[in-house]
Each structure stands twice: as C-alpha cells, then as structure tokens.
Amino acid sequence: MCLFSYAEDPDPDEQAPAGLLFVPVRPEAAGPVLRVFRTPLGERTAVGFSRRDLLTATLGAGQPAIPLAEPALRALTEPLGIDRLVVDPVLTAPAVITKPEYAADVPARAL
C-alpha cells in the first residue's frame, strides 16, 4: 500500500508560475539592462531569484537587481530568442581572479 498520493503532484513539464522575481541587471546610462546568462551547455537563459538573499548569495552583494513578475521577464527575453528561465540558480563556477596569485611577489612595473 502506498502512503503517498501522487494525483496532486504537478507534471515536471508543467511550469508553475514563479511570481515576483529579483532579476540581475547591469547599470547603464539609459537605465538598467537585463543580464542574460548561459546554461552549462551554452544555451542563453534569463535568471531570476525568488528572494533577494538568494541573489546576493549567488552573485554577490554588489549585484544590482530589479523586481519583475515572471511574465514581464519572459516578455523582455522573448524578442531576444530566449525562452528559458532559471529560477534560483546556484553558481558553481569558481570566482574569477582579477590578478594572478604570483603578482604579489613581482614588482608592479614588471607586470
């Protein structure tokens, strides 16, 4: 006898509405510009976070973001040919090092 009822479980292909999302942007002179990311396989995707603290944990405290409803985010990315939306992704790539580690031992003029 099964203790769980699966009749109420959504189909994995069905997308539940994400609601209000915190969407990463780049500040530009004309206003904020939506940041577009890539999946591990290289597909362009929009990214949104259900909570501001999740965005901060993944992209850092300095990442500007705007609140957008899921339909608005999809409407912005559709003309760009982007139909994928990733909600609450976890960054798995190592942080980018702006200066080589050995540079501390080398005089500045040698770089």
N, C-alpha and C. Protein backbone atom coordinates (compact mmCIF):
# COMPACT_ATOMS: atom_id res chain seq x y z
N MET A 1 0.83 -1.18 0.00
CA MET A 1 0.00 0.00 0.00
C MET A 1 0.88 1.24 0.00
N CYS A 2 0.57 2.16 -0.87
CA CYS A 2 1.34 3.40 -1.00
C CYS A 2 0.82 4.44 -0.01
N LEU A 3 1.72 5.06 0.71
CA LEU A 3 1.34 6.06 1.71
C LEU A 3 1.19 7.46 1.12
N PHE A 4 1.64 7.64 -0.10
CA PHE A 4 1.64 8.97 -0.71
C PHE A 4 0.66 9.04 -1.87
N SER A 5 0.01 10.15 -2.00
CA SER A 5 -0.90 10.37 -3.11
C SER A 5 -0.19 11.22 -4.16
N TYR A 6 -0.06 10.69 -5.35
CA TYR A 6 0.64 11.41 -6.41
C TYR A 6 -0.31 12.11 -7.37
N ALA A 7 -1.61 12.03 -7.12
CA ALA A 7 -2.59 12.65 -8.02
C ALA A 7 -2.44 14.17 -8.04
N GLU A 8 -1.96 14.78 -6.96
CA GLU A 8 -1.84 16.23 -6.87
C GLU A 8 -0.49 16.75 -7.35
N ASP A 9 0.48 15.86 -7.55
CA ASP A 9 1.82 16.31 -7.95
C ASP A 9 1.79 16.84 -9.37
N PRO A 10 2.46 17.98 -9.61
CA PRO A 10 2.47 18.53 -10.96
C PRO A 10 3.36 17.71 -11.89
N ASP A 11 3.03 17.74 -13.14
CA ASP A 11 3.86 17.12 -14.16
C ASP A 11 5.16 17.91 -14.24
N PRO A 12 6.33 17.26 -14.31
CA PRO A 12 7.60 18.00 -14.38
C PRO A 12 7.68 18.97 -15.56
N ASP A 13 6.93 18.70 -16.63
CA ASP A 13 6.97 19.60 -17.79
C ASP A 13 6.08 20.82 -17.59
N GLU A 14 5.18 20.78 -16.61
CA GLU A 14 4.33 21.92 -16.33
C GLU A 14 5.12 22.95 -15.54
N GLN A 15 5.07 24.19 -15.98
CA GLN A 15 5.79 25.25 -15.29
C GLN A 15 4.85 25.96 -14.34
N ALA A 16 5.18 25.92 -13.07
CA ALA A 16 4.40 26.67 -12.09
C ALA A 16 4.82 28.13 -12.16
N PRO A 17 3.91 29.07 -12.00
CA PRO A 17 4.29 30.48 -12.05
C PRO A 17 5.28 30.82 -10.95
N ALA A 18 6.30 31.57 -11.30
CA ALA A 18 7.35 31.90 -10.33
C ALA A 18 6.99 33.12 -9.51
N GLY A 19 6.05 33.95 -9.96
CA GLY A 19 5.68 35.15 -9.21
C GLY A 19 6.70 36.25 -9.37
N LEU A 20 6.86 37.07 -8.35
CA LEU A 20 7.80 38.18 -8.39
C LEU A 20 9.22 37.67 -8.23
N LEU A 21 10.10 38.11 -9.11
CA LEU A 21 11.50 37.67 -9.10
C LEU A 21 12.43 38.87 -8.98
N PHE A 22 13.58 38.66 -8.37
CA PHE A 22 14.65 39.65 -8.36
C PHE A 22 15.57 39.28 -9.52
N VAL A 23 15.65 40.19 -10.49
CA VAL A 23 16.34 39.91 -11.74
C VAL A 23 17.63 40.71 -11.81
N PRO A 24 18.78 40.05 -12.01
CA PRO A 24 20.06 40.77 -12.10
C PRO A 24 20.10 41.68 -13.32
N VAL A 25 20.63 42.89 -13.12
CA VAL A 25 20.76 43.87 -14.19
C VAL A 25 22.14 44.49 -14.16
N ARG A 26 22.49 45.14 -15.26
CA ARG A 26 23.71 45.97 -15.36
C ARG A 26 23.27 47.42 -15.40
N PRO A 27 23.89 48.28 -14.60
CA PRO A 27 23.53 49.70 -14.70
C PRO A 27 24.15 50.31 -15.96
N GLU A 28 23.35 51.00 -16.73
CA GLU A 28 23.80 51.69 -17.94
C GLU A 28 23.27 53.12 -17.88
N ALA A 29 23.78 53.99 -18.73
CA ALA A 29 23.37 55.39 -18.73
C ALA A 29 21.87 55.56 -18.99
N ALA A 30 21.32 54.73 -19.85
CA ALA A 30 19.90 54.84 -20.19
C ALA A 30 19.00 54.14 -19.17
N GLY A 31 19.58 53.40 -18.26
CA GLY A 31 18.80 52.67 -17.25
C GLY A 31 19.31 51.25 -17.12
N PRO A 32 18.72 50.46 -16.24
CA PRO A 32 19.21 49.09 -16.03
C PRO A 32 18.98 48.21 -17.26
N VAL A 33 19.94 47.34 -17.52
CA VAL A 33 19.88 46.40 -18.64
C VAL A 33 19.88 44.99 -18.08
N LEU A 34 18.96 44.18 -18.54
CA LEU A 34 18.82 42.80 -18.09
C LEU A 34 20.08 42.01 -18.38
N ARG A 35 20.58 41.28 -17.37
CA ARG A 35 21.71 40.37 -17.59
C ARG A 35 21.19 39.04 -18.09
N VAL A 36 21.83 38.51 -19.10
CA VAL A 36 21.48 37.20 -19.67
C VAL A 36 22.64 36.27 -19.37
N PHE A 37 22.33 35.05 -18.99
CA PHE A 37 23.35 34.08 -18.62
C PHE A 37 23.31 32.91 -19.59
N ARG A 38 24.20 31.94 -19.39
CA ARG A 38 24.23 30.73 -20.20
C ARG A 38 24.17 29.51 -19.29
N THR A 39 23.48 28.49 -19.77
CA THR A 39 23.44 27.21 -19.06
C THR A 39 24.79 26.53 -19.24
N PRO A 40 25.07 25.45 -18.51
CA PRO A 40 26.33 24.72 -18.71
C PRO A 40 26.51 24.22 -20.14
N LEU A 41 25.42 24.04 -20.87
CA LEU A 41 25.52 23.60 -22.27
C LEU A 41 25.58 24.76 -23.25
N GLY A 42 25.59 26.00 -22.75
CA GLY A 42 25.75 27.17 -23.60
C GLY A 42 24.47 27.84 -24.05
N GLU A 43 23.32 27.35 -23.63
CA GLU A 43 22.05 27.95 -24.02
C GLU A 43 21.82 29.24 -23.25
N ARG A 44 21.42 30.29 -23.95
CA ARG A 44 21.13 31.57 -23.29
C ARG A 44 19.88 31.45 -22.44
N THR A 45 19.92 32.04 -21.25
CA THR A 45 18.80 31.93 -20.34
C THR A 45 18.64 33.20 -19.51
N ALA A 46 17.40 33.50 -19.17
CA ALA A 46 17.12 34.56 -18.21
C ALA A 46 17.23 33.94 -16.82
N VAL A 47 17.56 34.76 -15.84
CA VAL A 47 17.72 34.27 -14.47
C VAL A 47 16.94 35.18 -13.54
N GLY A 48 16.25 34.56 -12.60
CA GLY A 48 15.53 35.31 -11.57
C GLY A 48 15.66 34.61 -10.24
N PHE A 49 15.54 35.37 -9.17
CA PHE A 49 15.66 34.82 -7.82
C PHE A 49 14.39 35.13 -7.04
N SER A 50 13.90 34.14 -6.32
CA SER A 50 12.67 34.31 -5.56
C SER A 50 12.87 35.18 -4.32
N ARG A 51 14.11 35.30 -3.86
CA ARG A 51 14.42 36.15 -2.70
C ARG A 51 15.72 36.89 -2.96
N ARG A 52 15.80 38.10 -2.44
CA ARG A 52 17.00 38.94 -2.62
C ARG A 52 18.24 38.27 -2.01
N ASP A 53 18.09 37.60 -0.86
CA ASP A 53 19.25 36.98 -0.22
C ASP A 53 19.82 35.83 -1.06
N LEU A 54 18.98 35.16 -1.84
CA LEU A 54 19.48 34.11 -2.74
C LEU A 54 20.30 34.71 -3.88
N LEU A 55 19.85 35.85 -4.38
CA LEU A 55 20.61 36.56 -5.42
C LEU A 55 21.96 36.98 -4.87
N THR A 56 21.97 37.55 -3.67
CA THR A 56 23.21 38.01 -3.04
C THR A 56 24.17 36.84 -2.79
N ALA A 57 23.64 35.71 -2.33
CA ALA A 57 24.49 34.55 -2.06
C ALA A 57 25.12 34.00 -3.33
N THR A 58 24.43 34.12 -4.46
CA THR A 58 24.93 33.57 -5.71
C THR A 58 25.80 34.55 -6.49
N LEU A 59 25.38 35.81 -6.58
CA LEU A 59 26.07 36.77 -7.45
C LEU A 59 26.83 37.85 -6.67
N GLY A 60 26.69 37.88 -5.35
CA GLY A 60 27.43 38.85 -4.55
C GLY A 60 26.58 40.04 -4.15
N ALA A 61 27.03 40.71 -3.10
CA ALA A 61 26.27 41.83 -2.52
C ALA A 61 26.19 43.03 -3.45
N GLY A 62 27.13 43.19 -4.34
CA GLY A 62 27.14 44.35 -5.22
C GLY A 62 26.31 44.21 -6.48
N GLN A 63 25.63 43.08 -6.66
CA GLN A 63 24.86 42.86 -7.88
C GLN A 63 23.54 43.62 -7.84
N PRO A 64 23.37 44.62 -8.72
CA PRO A 64 22.08 45.31 -8.77
C PRO A 64 21.01 44.39 -9.34
N ALA A 65 19.77 44.59 -8.90
CA ALA A 65 18.65 43.79 -9.38
C ALA A 65 17.38 44.63 -9.34
N ILE A 66 16.43 44.22 -10.17
CA ILE A 66 15.11 44.87 -10.16
C ILE A 66 14.06 43.80 -9.96
N PRO A 67 12.95 44.15 -9.31
CA PRO A 67 11.87 43.17 -9.17
C PRO A 67 11.02 43.14 -10.45
N LEU A 68 10.77 41.96 -10.95
CA LEU A 68 9.94 41.77 -12.14
C LEU A 68 9.06 40.55 -11.94
N ALA A 69 7.85 40.62 -12.43
CA ALA A 69 7.00 39.44 -12.45
C ALA A 69 7.49 38.51 -13.55
N GLU A 70 7.27 37.23 -13.37
CA GLU A 70 7.73 36.24 -14.35
C GLU A 70 7.23 36.55 -15.77
N PRO A 71 5.95 36.89 -15.98
CA PRO A 71 5.50 37.19 -17.34
C PRO A 71 6.23 38.39 -17.96
N ALA A 72 6.56 39.39 -17.14
CA ALA A 72 7.30 40.54 -17.66
C ALA A 72 8.71 40.15 -18.07
N LEU A 73 9.36 39.32 -17.28
CA LEU A 73 10.70 38.86 -17.62
C LEU A 73 10.68 38.04 -18.91
N ARG A 74 9.70 37.18 -19.04
CA ARG A 74 9.58 36.38 -20.28
C ARG A 74 9.30 37.27 -21.48
N ALA A 75 8.49 38.32 -21.29
CA ALA A 75 8.19 39.25 -22.38
C ALA A 75 9.43 40.02 -22.82
N LEU A 76 10.32 40.33 -21.88
CA LEU A 76 11.55 41.04 -22.22
C LEU A 76 12.54 40.16 -22.96
N THR A 77 12.58 38.88 -22.64
CA THR A 77 13.57 38.00 -23.24
C THR A 77 13.09 37.31 -24.52
N GLU A 78 11.79 37.24 -24.72
CA GLU A 78 11.27 36.56 -25.91
C GLU A 78 11.77 37.17 -27.22
N PRO A 79 11.80 38.51 -27.39
CA PRO A 79 12.31 39.07 -28.65
C PRO A 79 13.80 38.75 -28.89
N LEU A 80 14.51 38.38 -27.83
CA LEU A 80 15.93 38.03 -27.96
C LEU A 80 16.11 36.55 -28.30
N GLY A 81 15.00 35.82 -28.41
CA GLY A 81 15.09 34.40 -28.71
C GLY A 81 15.39 33.55 -27.48
N ILE A 82 15.18 34.10 -26.31
CA ILE A 82 15.45 33.39 -25.07
C ILE A 82 14.13 32.92 -24.48
N ASP A 83 13.94 31.60 -24.43
CA ASP A 83 12.70 31.08 -23.88
C ASP A 83 12.90 30.30 -22.59
N ARG A 84 14.12 30.23 -22.12
CA ARG A 84 14.42 29.52 -20.88
C ARG A 84 14.55 30.51 -19.73
N LEU A 85 13.96 30.15 -18.59
CA LEU A 85 14.06 30.94 -17.38
C LEU A 85 14.51 30.03 -16.25
N VAL A 86 15.62 30.37 -15.62
CA VAL A 86 16.12 29.60 -14.48
C VAL A 86 15.83 30.41 -13.22
N VAL A 87 15.12 29.79 -12.28
CA VAL A 87 14.79 30.45 -11.02
C VAL A 87 15.67 29.87 -9.92
N ASP A 88 16.28 30.76 -9.15
CA ASP A 88 17.14 30.40 -8.02
C ASP A 88 18.29 29.47 -8.41
N PRO A 89 19.09 29.86 -9.42
CA PRO A 89 20.24 29.03 -9.76
C PRO A 89 21.31 29.13 -8.68
N VAL A 90 22.19 28.16 -8.66
CA VAL A 90 23.31 28.16 -7.73
C VAL A 90 24.57 28.26 -8.57
N LEU A 91 25.39 29.24 -8.29
CA LEU A 91 26.63 29.42 -9.03
C LEU A 91 27.58 28.29 -8.70
N THR A 92 28.12 27.64 -9.71
CA THR A 92 29.03 26.54 -9.47
C THR A 92 30.43 26.81 -10.01
N ALA A 93 30.60 27.88 -10.75
CA ALA A 93 31.92 28.20 -11.29
C ALA A 93 32.78 28.86 -10.22
N PRO A 94 34.10 28.64 -10.26
CA PRO A 94 34.96 29.31 -9.29
C PRO A 94 34.98 30.81 -9.56
N ALA A 95 35.24 31.58 -8.52
CA ALA A 95 35.31 33.03 -8.66
C ALA A 95 36.45 33.42 -9.60
N VAL A 96 36.27 34.48 -10.35
CA VAL A 96 37.28 34.97 -11.27
C VAL A 96 38.34 35.72 -10.48
N ILE A 97 39.58 35.40 -10.74
CA ILE A 97 40.69 36.09 -10.08
C ILE A 97 41.15 37.21 -11.01
N THR A 98 41.12 38.45 -10.52
CA THR A 98 41.47 39.58 -11.37
C THR A 98 42.97 39.79 -11.47
N LYS A 99 43.71 39.28 -10.53
CA LYS A 99 45.16 39.44 -10.52
C LYS A 99 45.78 38.07 -10.22
N PRO A 100 46.77 37.66 -11.00
CA PRO A 100 47.39 36.36 -10.73
C PRO A 100 47.92 36.31 -9.29
N GLU A 101 47.87 35.12 -8.68
CA GLU A 101 48.32 34.96 -7.31
C GLU A 101 49.79 35.31 -7.14
N TYR A 102 50.61 35.03 -8.15
CA TYR A 102 52.04 35.28 -8.03
C TYR A 102 52.38 36.77 -8.14
N ALA A 103 51.42 37.62 -8.51
CA ALA A 103 51.69 39.04 -8.72
C ALA A 103 52.13 39.74 -7.44
N ALA A 104 51.80 39.20 -6.27
CA ALA A 104 52.20 39.83 -5.02
C ALA A 104 53.72 39.80 -4.85
N ASP A 105 54.40 38.80 -5.47
CA ASP A 105 55.85 38.68 -5.35
C ASP A 105 56.61 39.43 -6.43
N VAL A 106 55.90 39.92 -7.44
CA VAL A 106 56.54 40.59 -8.57
C VAL A 106 56.32 42.10 -8.46
N PRO A 107 57.36 42.90 -8.66
CA PRO A 107 57.16 44.35 -8.62
C PRO A 107 56.14 44.79 -9.65
N ALA A 108 55.39 45.84 -9.35
CA ALA A 108 54.30 46.31 -10.18
C ALA A 108 54.76 46.66 -11.60
N ARG A 109 55.94 47.24 -11.76
CA ARG A 109 56.38 47.64 -13.09
C ARG A 109 56.70 46.44 -13.98
N ALA A 110 56.94 45.28 -13.39
CA ALA A 110 57.23 44.08 -14.18
C ALA A 110 55.97 43.47 -14.78
N LEU A 111 54.79 43.82 -14.25
CA LEU A 111 53.55 43.29 -14.78
C LEU A 111 53.19 44.09 -15.97
